[in-house]
Amino acid sequence: MQLHHNILKLYILKGFVWFMIAMPIIVLFFQDNGLTLMEVMILQSIYSLTLAISEIPSGYFADFFGRKNSIILSSVFMFLGYLIFSNYSGFEIFILAEIFVAIGGSLMSGADSAIMYDTLLEMNKEDQYTRVEGKTYAIGNFSEALAGLLGGFLAVTSLLLPVQIQTCFLFFCIPISLSLVEPSVINKDKIERSYKFIFKVVRYSL
């Protein structure tokens, strides 16, 4: 098992997940599929509500079933959500897609940083966590900015094309997630070792 490869894989994963090429045109995409502006707002509300509700359960899932499993499920849910956007049309089916994407985002949130921390901890390099995590977010921000620019240009050709491209990027997140190696750090106290606790410790140590 190549534990040290986790870092590179997490960099790639962050870049792919944050390559949100559909975001700049998503409202236009919904309207092009027959949704009213009110229905678009309802969709966004459902997404935000689902994300908030699933945040705590997803944290416990990552603690007790593993960060890798959480990231795998996250990749699958987000891919399924955008697969629906790419192939179906209608308010009701888009609600299901938004729920899938929100659950996927919640499962990913924190679990990727936690497996990175545990990886560095097992490699006795936990002191590098802040630098490595900073690089991860830099990659994500660059990917998001690039996607925003490309999304606008591609939308001139087709409003569906950016959604299809984002679906492809999310699909490739699945094999990357499957290839991650779960660190064998022994958790004597699962609550204390939860990724939310790690975030709290790191945040107040900066």
N, C-alpha and C. Protein backbone atom coordinates (compact mmCIF):
# COMPACT_ATOMS: atom_id res chain seq x y z
N MET A 1 0.84 -1.20 0.00
CA MET A 1 0.00 0.00 0.00
C MET A 1 0.88 1.25 0.00
N GLN A 2 0.60 2.15 -0.93
CA GLN A 2 1.39 3.35 -1.06
C GLN A 2 0.67 4.51 -0.37
N LEU A 3 0.85 4.59 0.94
CA LEU A 3 0.15 5.60 1.72
C LEU A 3 0.50 7.01 1.28
N HIS A 4 1.77 7.23 0.94
CA HIS A 4 2.20 8.59 0.59
C HIS A 4 1.56 9.09 -0.70
N HIS A 5 1.00 8.18 -1.52
CA HIS A 5 0.32 8.60 -2.74
C HIS A 5 -1.03 9.26 -2.44
N ASN A 6 -1.51 9.10 -1.21
CA ASN A 6 -2.77 9.74 -0.84
C ASN A 6 -2.73 11.24 -1.08
N ILE A 7 -1.61 11.86 -0.77
CA ILE A 7 -1.53 13.32 -0.87
C ILE A 7 -1.76 13.78 -2.31
N LEU A 8 -1.07 13.14 -3.25
CA LEU A 8 -1.25 13.51 -4.66
C LEU A 8 -2.68 13.24 -5.12
N LYS A 9 -3.23 12.12 -4.70
CA LYS A 9 -4.60 11.77 -5.09
C LYS A 9 -5.59 12.77 -4.53
N LEU A 10 -5.35 13.24 -3.32
CA LEU A 10 -6.24 14.24 -2.72
C LEU A 10 -6.12 15.58 -3.42
N TYR A 11 -4.93 15.91 -3.89
CA TYR A 11 -4.76 17.12 -4.71
C TYR A 11 -5.62 17.02 -5.97
N ILE A 12 -5.52 15.89 -6.66
CA ILE A 12 -6.28 15.69 -7.90
C ILE A 12 -7.78 15.69 -7.62
N LEU A 13 -8.16 15.04 -6.53
CA LEU A 13 -9.57 14.98 -6.16
C LEU A 13 -10.13 16.37 -5.91
N LYS A 14 -9.38 17.18 -5.19
CA LYS A 14 -9.82 18.55 -4.92
C LYS A 14 -9.98 19.33 -6.21
N GLY A 15 -9.02 19.18 -7.12
CA GLY A 15 -9.09 19.87 -8.40
C GLY A 15 -10.31 19.46 -9.20
N PHE A 16 -10.63 18.16 -9.21
CA PHE A 16 -11.77 17.66 -9.98
C PHE A 16 -13.10 18.08 -9.36
N VAL A 17 -13.20 17.95 -8.04
CA VAL A 17 -14.45 18.29 -7.36
C VAL A 17 -14.75 19.78 -7.48
N TRP A 18 -13.73 20.59 -7.40
CA TRP A 18 -13.91 22.03 -7.46
C TRP A 18 -13.93 22.57 -8.89
N PHE A 19 -13.82 21.69 -9.87
CA PHE A 19 -13.91 22.13 -11.27
C PHE A 19 -15.40 22.28 -11.62
N MET A 20 -16.02 23.27 -11.00
CA MET A 20 -17.47 23.45 -11.10
C MET A 20 -17.83 24.30 -12.33
N ILE A 21 -17.62 23.71 -13.46
CA ILE A 21 -17.79 24.42 -14.73
C ILE A 21 -19.25 24.75 -15.02
N ALA A 22 -20.17 24.04 -14.37
CA ALA A 22 -21.60 24.29 -14.60
C ALA A 22 -22.16 25.42 -13.73
N MET A 23 -21.45 25.79 -12.69
CA MET A 23 -21.99 26.75 -11.73
C MET A 23 -22.34 28.12 -12.34
N PRO A 24 -21.50 28.67 -13.23
CA PRO A 24 -21.83 30.01 -13.74
C PRO A 24 -23.12 30.05 -14.56
N ILE A 25 -23.54 28.90 -15.08
CA ILE A 25 -24.69 28.89 -15.98
C ILE A 25 -25.83 28.02 -15.45
N ILE A 26 -25.74 27.58 -14.20
CA ILE A 26 -26.70 26.60 -13.70
C ILE A 26 -28.13 27.15 -13.68
N VAL A 27 -28.31 28.43 -13.38
CA VAL A 27 -29.66 29.00 -13.37
C VAL A 27 -30.22 29.02 -14.78
N LEU A 28 -29.39 29.42 -15.74
CA LEU A 28 -29.81 29.41 -17.14
C LEU A 28 -30.12 27.99 -17.61
N PHE A 29 -29.33 27.04 -17.14
CA PHE A 29 -29.55 25.64 -17.49
C PHE A 29 -30.90 25.16 -16.98
N PHE A 30 -31.21 25.49 -15.73
CA PHE A 30 -32.50 25.10 -15.16
C PHE A 30 -33.65 25.74 -15.95
N GLN A 31 -33.52 27.02 -16.24
CA GLN A 31 -34.59 27.71 -16.98
C GLN A 31 -34.73 27.16 -18.39
N ASP A 32 -33.62 26.77 -18.99
CA ASP A 32 -33.65 26.17 -20.32
C ASP A 32 -34.37 24.82 -20.31
N ASN A 33 -34.42 24.20 -19.13
CA ASN A 33 -35.11 22.92 -18.97
C ASN A 33 -36.54 23.10 -18.46
N GLY A 34 -37.04 24.31 -18.58
CA GLY A 34 -38.46 24.56 -18.29
C GLY A 34 -38.80 24.98 -16.88
N LEU A 35 -37.80 25.20 -16.04
CA LEU A 35 -38.07 25.59 -14.65
C LEU A 35 -38.29 27.09 -14.56
N THR A 36 -39.20 27.49 -13.68
CA THR A 36 -39.39 28.90 -13.41
C THR A 36 -38.33 29.37 -12.42
N LEU A 37 -38.19 30.67 -12.29
CA LEU A 37 -37.21 31.21 -11.34
C LEU A 37 -37.56 30.80 -9.91
N MET A 38 -38.84 30.71 -9.60
CA MET A 38 -39.27 30.26 -8.28
C MET A 38 -38.81 28.81 -8.03
N GLU A 39 -38.97 27.96 -9.03
CA GLU A 39 -38.55 26.56 -8.89
C GLU A 39 -37.03 26.46 -8.74
N VAL A 40 -36.30 27.32 -9.42
CA VAL A 40 -34.84 27.34 -9.28
C VAL A 40 -34.46 27.70 -7.85
N MET A 41 -35.13 28.68 -7.28
CA MET A 41 -34.85 29.09 -5.90
C MET A 41 -35.20 27.96 -4.92
N ILE A 42 -36.28 27.24 -5.20
CA ILE A 42 -36.66 26.11 -4.35
C ILE A 42 -35.60 25.03 -4.41
N LEU A 43 -35.08 24.76 -5.60
CA LEU A 43 -34.02 23.78 -5.76
C LEU A 43 -32.80 24.14 -4.92
N GLN A 44 -32.40 25.40 -4.98
CA GLN A 44 -31.24 25.84 -4.22
C GLN A 44 -31.49 25.75 -2.72
N SER A 45 -32.73 26.02 -2.31
CA SER A 45 -33.08 25.91 -0.90
C SER A 45 -33.02 24.46 -0.43
N ILE A 46 -33.51 23.55 -1.28
CA ILE A 46 -33.46 22.13 -0.95
C ILE A 46 -32.02 21.66 -0.83
N TYR A 47 -31.18 22.14 -1.73
CA TYR A 47 -29.75 21.78 -1.67
C TYR A 47 -29.14 22.25 -0.35
N SER A 48 -29.37 23.50 0.00
CA SER A 48 -28.78 24.06 1.22
C SER A 48 -29.31 23.37 2.46
N LEU A 49 -30.60 23.08 2.50
CA LEU A 49 -31.21 22.42 3.64
C LEU A 49 -30.67 20.99 3.79
N THR A 50 -30.57 20.27 2.68
CA THR A 50 -30.05 18.90 2.72
C THR A 50 -28.60 18.89 3.19
N LEU A 51 -27.83 19.84 2.70
CA LEU A 51 -26.43 19.95 3.10
C LEU A 51 -26.30 20.16 4.60
N ALA A 52 -27.14 21.05 5.13
CA ALA A 52 -27.08 21.35 6.56
C ALA A 52 -27.52 20.16 7.41
N ILE A 53 -28.59 19.49 6.98
CA ILE A 53 -29.12 18.36 7.75
C ILE A 53 -28.16 17.18 7.75
N SER A 54 -27.49 16.95 6.63
CA SER A 54 -26.63 15.77 6.50
C SER A 54 -25.21 15.98 7.02
N GLU A 55 -24.88 17.19 7.45
CA GLU A 55 -23.52 17.50 7.87
C GLU A 55 -23.08 16.65 9.08
N ILE A 56 -23.90 16.60 10.10
CA ILE A 56 -23.54 15.84 11.31
C ILE A 56 -23.56 14.33 11.06
N PRO A 57 -24.63 13.78 10.47
CA PRO A 57 -24.61 12.34 10.18
C PRO A 57 -23.44 11.91 9.30
N SER A 58 -23.08 12.74 8.32
CA SER A 58 -21.97 12.39 7.45
C SER A 58 -20.65 12.37 8.22
N GLY A 59 -20.55 13.24 9.24
CA GLY A 59 -19.36 13.25 10.08
C GLY A 59 -19.22 11.96 10.87
N TYR A 60 -20.34 11.49 11.44
CA TYR A 60 -20.29 10.23 12.18
C TYR A 60 -20.01 9.06 11.25
N PHE A 61 -20.54 9.14 10.03
CA PHE A 61 -20.28 8.06 9.06
C PHE A 61 -18.79 7.96 8.79
N ALA A 62 -18.15 9.11 8.57
CA ALA A 62 -16.71 9.11 8.30
C ALA A 62 -15.91 8.60 9.49
N ASP A 63 -16.37 8.91 10.70
CA ASP A 63 -15.67 8.47 11.91
C ASP A 63 -15.74 6.96 12.09
N PHE A 64 -16.91 6.39 11.86
CA PHE A 64 -17.13 4.99 12.20
C PHE A 64 -16.95 4.03 11.02
N PHE A 65 -17.08 4.52 9.80
CA PHE A 65 -16.95 3.64 8.64
C PHE A 65 -15.73 3.98 7.79
N GLY A 66 -15.00 5.01 8.16
CA GLY A 66 -13.77 5.34 7.48
C GLY A 66 -13.88 6.55 6.57
N ARG A 67 -12.81 7.35 6.55
CA ARG A 67 -12.79 8.53 5.70
C ARG A 67 -12.81 8.14 4.23
N LYS A 68 -12.11 7.07 3.88
CA LYS A 68 -12.09 6.62 2.49
C LYS A 68 -13.49 6.26 2.01
N ASN A 69 -14.22 5.49 2.81
CA ASN A 69 -15.58 5.10 2.43
C ASN A 69 -16.49 6.32 2.28
N SER A 70 -16.29 7.30 3.13
CA SER A 70 -17.06 8.53 3.05
C SER A 70 -16.77 9.26 1.74
N ILE A 71 -15.51 9.33 1.36
CA ILE A 71 -15.13 10.00 0.13
C ILE A 71 -15.63 9.24 -1.10
N ILE A 72 -15.59 7.91 -1.04
CA ILE A 72 -16.10 7.10 -2.15
C ILE A 72 -17.60 7.37 -2.35
N LEU A 73 -18.35 7.30 -1.26
CA LEU A 73 -19.79 7.56 -1.35
C LEU A 73 -20.07 8.98 -1.83
N SER A 74 -19.27 9.92 -1.36
CA SER A 74 -19.41 11.30 -1.79
C SER A 74 -19.25 11.42 -3.31
N SER A 75 -18.23 10.79 -3.84
CA SER A 75 -17.98 10.83 -5.28
C SER A 75 -19.13 10.21 -6.06
N VAL A 76 -19.65 9.10 -5.55
CA VAL A 76 -20.76 8.42 -6.23
C VAL A 76 -22.02 9.28 -6.21
N PHE A 77 -22.34 9.86 -5.06
CA PHE A 77 -23.55 10.69 -4.96
C PHE A 77 -23.46 11.92 -5.85
N MET A 78 -22.33 12.60 -5.84
CA MET A 78 -22.19 13.79 -6.68
C MET A 78 -22.26 13.44 -8.16
N PHE A 79 -21.63 12.33 -8.53
CA PHE A 79 -21.69 11.89 -9.93
C PHE A 79 -23.12 11.56 -10.33
N LEU A 80 -23.86 10.84 -9.49
CA LEU A 80 -25.24 10.49 -9.81
C LEU A 80 -26.11 11.75 -9.95
N GLY A 81 -25.86 12.73 -9.08
CA GLY A 81 -26.62 13.97 -9.17
C GLY A 81 -26.44 14.65 -10.51
N TYR A 82 -25.20 14.78 -10.94
CA TYR A 82 -24.95 15.45 -12.21
C TYR A 82 -25.29 14.58 -13.41
N LEU A 83 -25.28 13.27 -13.21
CA LEU A 83 -25.73 12.37 -14.27
C LEU A 83 -27.22 12.59 -14.54
N ILE A 84 -27.98 12.84 -13.47
CA ILE A 84 -29.39 13.16 -13.64
C ILE A 84 -29.55 14.49 -14.37
N PHE A 85 -28.80 15.51 -13.95
CA PHE A 85 -28.86 16.80 -14.63
C PHE A 85 -28.55 16.66 -16.13
N SER A 86 -27.60 15.78 -16.45
CA SER A 86 -27.15 15.65 -17.83
C SER A 86 -28.13 14.89 -18.73
N ASN A 87 -28.98 14.06 -18.13
CA ASN A 87 -29.80 13.16 -18.95
C ASN A 87 -31.30 13.31 -18.76
N TYR A 88 -31.72 14.08 -17.75
CA TYR A 88 -33.15 14.22 -17.50
C TYR A 88 -33.52 15.68 -17.39
N SER A 89 -34.82 15.92 -17.40
CA SER A 89 -35.31 17.28 -17.30
C SER A 89 -36.60 17.29 -16.49
N GLY A 90 -36.76 18.30 -15.67
CA GLY A 90 -37.98 18.41 -14.89
C GLY A 90 -37.70 18.77 -13.44
N PHE A 91 -38.63 19.48 -12.84
CA PHE A 91 -38.45 19.98 -11.48
C PHE A 91 -38.29 18.85 -10.46
N GLU A 92 -39.14 17.84 -10.54
CA GLU A 92 -39.12 16.76 -9.54
C GLU A 92 -37.82 15.96 -9.60
N ILE A 93 -37.39 15.60 -10.80
CA ILE A 93 -36.16 14.81 -10.93
C ILE A 93 -34.94 15.64 -10.56
N PHE A 94 -35.00 16.95 -10.78
CA PHE A 94 -33.90 17.83 -10.40
C PHE A 94 -33.81 17.97 -8.88
N ILE A 95 -34.94 17.84 -8.19
CA ILE A 95 -34.91 17.84 -6.72
C ILE A 95 -34.07 16.67 -6.23
N LEU A 96 -34.29 15.48 -6.82
CA LEU A 96 -33.51 14.30 -6.45
C LEU A 96 -32.02 14.53 -6.72
N ALA A 97 -31.71 15.14 -7.87
CA ALA A 97 -30.32 15.41 -8.21
C ALA A 97 -29.67 16.35 -7.20
N GLU A 98 -30.39 17.39 -6.80
CA GLU A 98 -29.86 18.34 -5.82
C GLU A 98 -29.60 17.66 -4.48
N ILE A 99 -30.49 16.75 -4.08
CA ILE A 99 -30.31 16.02 -2.83
C ILE A 99 -29.06 15.14 -2.90
N PHE A 100 -28.88 14.46 -4.02
CA PHE A 100 -27.69 13.63 -4.21
C PHE A 100 -26.41 14.47 -4.13
N VAL A 101 -26.40 15.61 -4.82
CA VAL A 101 -25.20 16.46 -4.83
C VAL A 101 -24.92 17.00 -3.43
N ALA A 102 -25.98 17.37 -2.71
CA ALA A 102 -25.81 17.91 -1.36
C ALA A 102 -25.26 16.85 -0.41
N ILE A 103 -25.80 15.64 -0.47
CA ILE A 103 -25.31 14.56 0.38
C ILE A 103 -23.85 14.25 0.04
N GLY A 104 -23.55 14.25 -1.26
CA GLY A 104 -22.17 14.02 -1.68
C GLY A 104 -21.22 15.08 -1.15
N GLY A 105 -21.64 16.33 -1.21
CA GLY A 105 -20.81 17.41 -0.70
C GLY A 105 -20.60 17.30 0.79
N SER A 106 -21.63 16.89 1.52
CA SER A 106 -21.52 16.74 2.96
C SER A 106 -20.59 15.60 3.34
N LEU A 107 -20.66 14.50 2.60
CA LEU A 107 -19.78 13.36 2.87
C LEU A 107 -18.32 13.68 2.59
N MET A 108 -18.09 14.56 1.62
CA MET A 108 -16.72 14.94 1.29
C MET A 108 -16.16 15.96 2.29
N SER A 109 -17.05 16.84 2.76
CA SER A 109 -16.65 17.95 3.61
C SER A 109 -15.95 17.47 4.88
N GLY A 110 -14.69 17.76 4.99
CA GLY A 110 -13.93 17.39 6.18
C GLY A 110 -13.26 16.04 6.09
N ALA A 111 -13.91 15.07 5.42
CA ALA A 111 -13.35 13.73 5.33
C ALA A 111 -12.05 13.73 4.53
N ASP A 112 -11.98 14.55 3.50
CA ASP A 112 -10.75 14.62 2.70
C ASP A 112 -9.60 15.21 3.52
N SER A 113 -9.90 16.25 4.29
CA SER A 113 -8.86 16.84 5.14
C SER A 113 -8.45 15.89 6.25
N ALA A 114 -9.42 15.14 6.77
CA ALA A 114 -9.12 14.21 7.86
C ALA A 114 -8.23 13.07 7.39
N ILE A 115 -8.50 12.52 6.21
CA ILE A 115 -7.66 11.42 5.73
C ILE A 115 -6.26 11.95 5.38
N MET A 116 -6.21 13.21 4.98
CA MET A 116 -4.90 13.80 4.72
C MET A 116 -4.12 13.95 6.03
N TYR A 117 -4.80 14.42 7.06
CA TYR A 117 -4.13 14.57 8.36
C TYR A 117 -3.67 13.22 8.88
N ASP A 118 -4.54 12.21 8.81
CA ASP A 118 -4.19 10.88 9.29
C ASP A 118 -3.04 10.27 8.49
N THR A 119 -3.02 10.58 7.19
CA THR A 119 -1.93 10.09 6.33
C THR A 119 -0.60 10.69 6.79
N LEU A 120 -0.60 12.00 6.99
CA LEU A 120 0.62 12.66 7.44
C LEU A 120 1.01 12.21 8.85
N LEU A 121 0.01 11.96 9.68
CA LEU A 121 0.27 11.50 11.04
C LEU A 121 0.97 10.14 11.02
N GLU A 122 0.47 9.24 10.19
CA GLU A 122 1.08 7.91 10.11
C GLU A 122 2.48 7.95 9.50
N MET A 123 2.72 8.97 8.66
CA MET A 123 4.04 9.13 8.05
C MET A 123 4.97 9.97 8.93
N ASN A 124 4.47 10.36 10.14
CA ASN A 124 5.23 11.21 11.06
C ASN A 124 5.56 12.57 10.45
N LYS A 125 4.62 13.08 9.66
CA LYS A 125 4.80 14.38 9.02
C LYS A 125 3.61 15.30 9.32
N GLU A 126 2.96 15.08 10.45
CA GLU A 126 1.77 15.87 10.76
C GLU A 126 2.06 17.37 10.88
N ASP A 127 3.32 17.73 11.12
CA ASP A 127 3.68 19.14 11.20
C ASP A 127 3.56 19.84 9.85
N GLN A 128 3.44 19.05 8.77
CA GLN A 128 3.31 19.62 7.42
C GLN A 128 1.85 19.81 7.01
N TYR A 129 0.94 19.50 7.92
CA TYR A 129 -0.48 19.51 7.56
C TYR A 129 -0.94 20.88 7.04
N THR A 130 -0.60 21.94 7.74
CA THR A 130 -1.06 23.27 7.34
C THR A 130 -0.57 23.62 5.94
N ARG A 131 0.68 23.30 5.64
CA ARG A 131 1.24 23.60 4.31
C ARG A 131 0.55 22.77 3.23
N VAL A 132 0.38 21.49 3.50
CA VAL A 132 -0.23 20.59 2.52
C VAL A 132 -1.70 20.97 2.28
N GLU A 133 -2.41 21.26 3.36
CA GLU A 133 -3.82 21.65 3.23
C GLU A 133 -3.93 22.98 2.49
N GLY A 134 -3.02 23.89 2.75
CA GLY A 134 -3.02 25.16 2.03
C GLY A 134 -2.83 24.96 0.53
N LYS A 135 -1.95 24.04 0.17
CA LYS A 135 -1.72 23.73 -1.24
C LYS A 135 -2.97 23.11 -1.85
N THR A 136 -3.65 22.28 -1.08
CA THR A 136 -4.88 21.65 -1.56
C THR A 136 -5.93 22.69 -1.90
N TYR A 137 -6.10 23.66 -1.02
CA TYR A 137 -7.10 24.71 -1.27
C TYR A 137 -6.67 25.64 -2.40
N ALA A 138 -5.38 25.83 -2.57
CA ALA A 138 -4.90 26.63 -3.69
C ALA A 138 -5.25 25.95 -5.01
N ILE A 139 -5.06 24.63 -5.06
CA ILE A 139 -5.43 23.86 -6.25
C ILE A 139 -6.93 23.96 -6.50
N GLY A 140 -7.72 23.82 -5.43
CA GLY A 140 -9.16 23.92 -5.57
C GLY A 140 -9.61 25.28 -6.07
N ASN A 141 -9.04 26.33 -5.52
CA ASN A 141 -9.41 27.69 -5.94
C ASN A 141 -9.04 27.96 -7.39
N PHE A 142 -7.85 27.49 -7.79
CA PHE A 142 -7.43 27.66 -9.19
C PHE A 142 -8.37 26.90 -10.12
N SER A 143 -8.72 25.68 -9.73
CA SER A 143 -9.62 24.85 -10.54
C SER A 143 -10.99 25.51 -10.67
N GLU A 144 -11.48 26.05 -9.57
CA GLU A 144 -12.78 26.71 -9.58
C GLU A 144 -12.78 27.95 -10.47
N ALA A 145 -11.70 28.74 -10.39
CA ALA A 145 -11.60 29.94 -11.21
C ALA A 145 -11.54 29.60 -12.70
N LEU A 146 -10.73 28.59 -13.03
CA LEU A 146 -10.61 28.16 -14.42
C LEU A 146 -11.94 27.63 -14.94
N ALA A 147 -12.63 26.86 -14.11
CA ALA A 147 -13.93 26.32 -14.51
C ALA A 147 -14.94 27.42 -14.75
N GLY A 148 -14.90 28.46 -13.91
CA GLY A 148 -15.81 29.58 -14.07
C GLY A 148 -15.65 30.27 -15.41
N LEU A 149 -14.40 30.46 -15.82
CA LEU A 149 -14.12 31.09 -17.11
C LEU A 149 -14.57 30.20 -18.27
N LEU A 150 -14.22 28.93 -18.20
CA LEU A 150 -14.56 28.01 -19.28
C LEU A 150 -16.06 27.79 -19.39
N GLY A 151 -16.72 27.74 -18.24
CA GLY A 151 -18.16 27.52 -18.25
C GLY A 151 -18.92 28.57 -19.04
N GLY A 152 -18.51 29.82 -18.89
CA GLY A 152 -19.16 30.90 -19.63
C GLY A 152 -18.95 30.79 -21.12
N PHE A 153 -17.74 30.44 -21.52
CA PHE A 153 -17.44 30.31 -22.95
C PHE A 153 -18.19 29.13 -23.57
N LEU A 154 -18.21 28.01 -22.87
CA LEU A 154 -18.86 26.81 -23.40
C LEU A 154 -20.37 26.97 -23.48
N ALA A 155 -20.93 27.77 -22.59
CA ALA A 155 -22.38 27.97 -22.57
C ALA A 155 -22.88 28.66 -23.83
N VAL A 156 -21.99 29.38 -24.51
CA VAL A 156 -22.37 30.01 -25.77
C VAL A 156 -22.74 28.96 -26.80
N THR A 157 -22.05 27.83 -26.73
CA THR A 157 -22.33 26.72 -27.65
C THR A 157 -23.53 25.90 -27.18
N SER A 158 -23.53 25.56 -25.89
CA SER A 158 -24.61 24.74 -25.34
C SER A 158 -24.64 24.88 -23.83
N LEU A 159 -25.84 25.05 -23.27
CA LEU A 159 -25.97 25.12 -21.82
C LEU A 159 -25.82 23.75 -21.18
N LEU A 160 -26.01 22.70 -21.97
CA LEU A 160 -25.87 21.34 -21.46
C LEU A 160 -24.41 20.90 -21.39
N LEU A 161 -23.58 21.42 -22.27
CA LEU A 161 -22.18 20.98 -22.37
C LEU A 161 -21.41 21.14 -21.06
N PRO A 162 -21.46 22.29 -20.38
CA PRO A 162 -20.73 22.41 -19.11
C PRO A 162 -21.20 21.39 -18.07
N VAL A 163 -22.49 21.08 -18.04
CA VAL A 163 -23.02 20.10 -17.10
C VAL A 163 -22.47 18.72 -17.42
N GLN A 164 -22.40 18.38 -18.70
CA GLN A 164 -21.86 17.08 -19.12
C GLN A 164 -20.37 16.96 -18.77
N ILE A 165 -19.63 18.04 -18.98
CA ILE A 165 -18.20 18.02 -18.65
C ILE A 165 -18.00 17.85 -17.15
N GLN A 166 -18.80 18.56 -16.35
CA GLN A 166 -18.67 18.41 -14.90
C GLN A 166 -19.02 16.99 -14.47
N THR A 167 -19.99 16.40 -15.13
CA THR A 167 -20.36 15.01 -14.84
C THR A 167 -19.18 14.08 -15.09
N CYS A 168 -18.45 14.31 -16.18
CA CYS A 168 -17.28 13.49 -16.50
C CYS A 168 -16.19 13.63 -15.44
N PHE A 169 -15.94 14.86 -15.00
CA PHE A 169 -14.92 15.07 -13.97
C PHE A 169 -15.31 14.37 -12.67
N LEU A 170 -16.59 14.43 -12.32
CA LEU A 170 -17.04 13.77 -11.09
C LEU A 170 -16.98 12.25 -11.22
N PHE A 171 -17.17 11.73 -12.43
CA PHE A 171 -17.03 10.29 -12.62
C PHE A 171 -15.61 9.83 -12.30
N PHE A 172 -14.61 10.58 -12.75
CA PHE A 172 -13.22 10.20 -12.51
C PHE A 172 -12.83 10.33 -11.04
N CYS A 173 -13.65 11.04 -10.25
CA CYS A 173 -13.39 11.10 -8.81
C CYS A 173 -13.61 9.74 -8.15
N ILE A 174 -14.45 8.91 -8.75
CA ILE A 174 -14.77 7.61 -8.15
C ILE A 174 -13.55 6.68 -8.12
N PRO A 175 -12.87 6.44 -9.26
CA PRO A 175 -11.68 5.58 -9.17
C PRO A 175 -10.56 6.17 -8.33
N ILE A 176 -10.45 7.50 -8.32
CA ILE A 176 -9.43 8.14 -7.46
C ILE A 176 -9.74 7.85 -6.00
N SER A 177 -11.02 7.97 -5.63
CA SER A 177 -11.43 7.70 -4.25
C SER A 177 -11.19 6.24 -3.88
N LEU A 178 -11.50 5.35 -4.80
CA LEU A 178 -11.31 3.92 -4.54
C LEU A 178 -9.84 3.57 -4.34
N SER A 179 -8.95 4.34 -4.95
CA SER A 179 -7.52 4.04 -4.87
C SER A 179 -6.85 4.61 -3.62
N LEU A 180 -7.59 5.42 -2.85
CA LEU A 180 -7.03 5.96 -1.61
C LEU A 180 -6.73 4.83 -0.63
N VAL A 181 -5.75 5.04 0.22
CA VAL A 181 -5.38 4.06 1.25
C VAL A 181 -5.81 4.62 2.60
N GLU A 182 -6.66 3.86 3.31
CA GLU A 182 -7.09 4.30 4.64
C GLU A 182 -5.94 4.15 5.63
N PRO A 183 -5.49 5.24 6.25
CA PRO A 183 -4.41 5.13 7.25
C PRO A 183 -4.81 4.21 8.38
N SER A 184 -3.84 3.51 8.93
CA SER A 184 -4.12 2.54 9.99
C SER A 184 -3.90 3.14 11.37
N VAL A 185 -4.12 4.44 11.50
CA VAL A 185 -3.99 5.10 12.80
C VAL A 185 -5.06 4.55 13.73
N ILE A 186 -4.65 4.13 14.93
CA ILE A 186 -5.59 3.56 15.88
C ILE A 186 -6.34 4.68 16.58
N ASN A 187 -7.67 4.63 16.48
CA ASN A 187 -8.50 5.65 17.11
C ASN A 187 -8.99 5.16 18.47
N LYS A 188 -8.33 5.59 19.53
CA LYS A 188 -8.75 5.19 20.87
C LYS A 188 -10.05 5.88 21.27
N ASP A 189 -10.24 7.07 20.77
CA ASP A 189 -11.47 7.80 21.04
C ASP A 189 -11.99 8.34 19.73
N LYS A 190 -13.03 7.70 19.17
CA LYS A 190 -13.51 8.07 17.85
C LYS A 190 -14.07 9.48 17.80
N ILE A 191 -14.70 9.90 18.88
CA ILE A 191 -15.25 11.25 18.89
C ILE A 191 -14.13 12.27 18.88
N GLU A 192 -13.11 12.04 19.71
CA GLU A 192 -12.01 12.98 19.79
C GLU A 192 -11.20 13.00 18.51
N ARG A 193 -11.18 11.86 17.77
CA ARG A 193 -10.43 11.77 16.53
C ARG A 193 -11.27 12.13 15.32
N SER A 194 -12.50 12.57 15.55
CA SER A 194 -13.37 12.91 14.44
C SER A 194 -12.78 14.06 13.65
N TYR A 195 -13.15 14.14 12.39
CA TYR A 195 -12.56 15.17 11.55
C TYR A 195 -12.98 16.57 12.00
N LYS A 196 -14.15 16.70 12.65
CA LYS A 196 -14.55 18.01 13.14
C LYS A 196 -13.63 18.45 14.28
N PHE A 197 -13.21 17.51 15.10
CA PHE A 197 -12.27 17.82 16.18
C PHE A 197 -10.92 18.24 15.58
N ILE A 198 -10.49 17.54 14.54
CA ILE A 198 -9.22 17.88 13.88
C ILE A 198 -9.27 19.30 13.36
N PHE A 199 -10.40 19.67 12.71
CA PHE A 199 -10.53 21.01 12.19
C PHE A 199 -10.45 22.05 13.30
N LYS A 200 -11.09 21.74 14.43
CA LYS A 200 -11.08 22.67 15.56
C LYS A 200 -9.67 22.88 16.08
N VAL A 201 -8.93 21.81 16.24
CA VAL A 201 -7.56 21.87 16.74
C VAL A 201 -6.68 22.66 15.79
N VAL A 202 -6.79 22.33 14.48
CA VAL A 202 -5.95 23.00 13.50
C VAL A 202 -6.28 24.48 13.41
N ARG A 203 -7.59 24.80 13.40
CA ARG A 203 -8.00 26.19 13.25
C ARG A 203 -7.46 27.05 14.38
N TYR A 204 -7.55 26.56 15.60
CA TYR A 204 -7.12 27.36 16.75
C TYR A 204 -5.62 27.32 16.96
N SER A 205 -4.93 26.46 16.20
CA SER A 205 -3.48 26.41 16.32
C SER A 205 -2.78 27.33 15.32
N LEU A 206 -3.58 27.87 14.37
CA LEU A 206 -2.98 28.75 13.36
C LEU A 206 -2.70 30.15 13.92
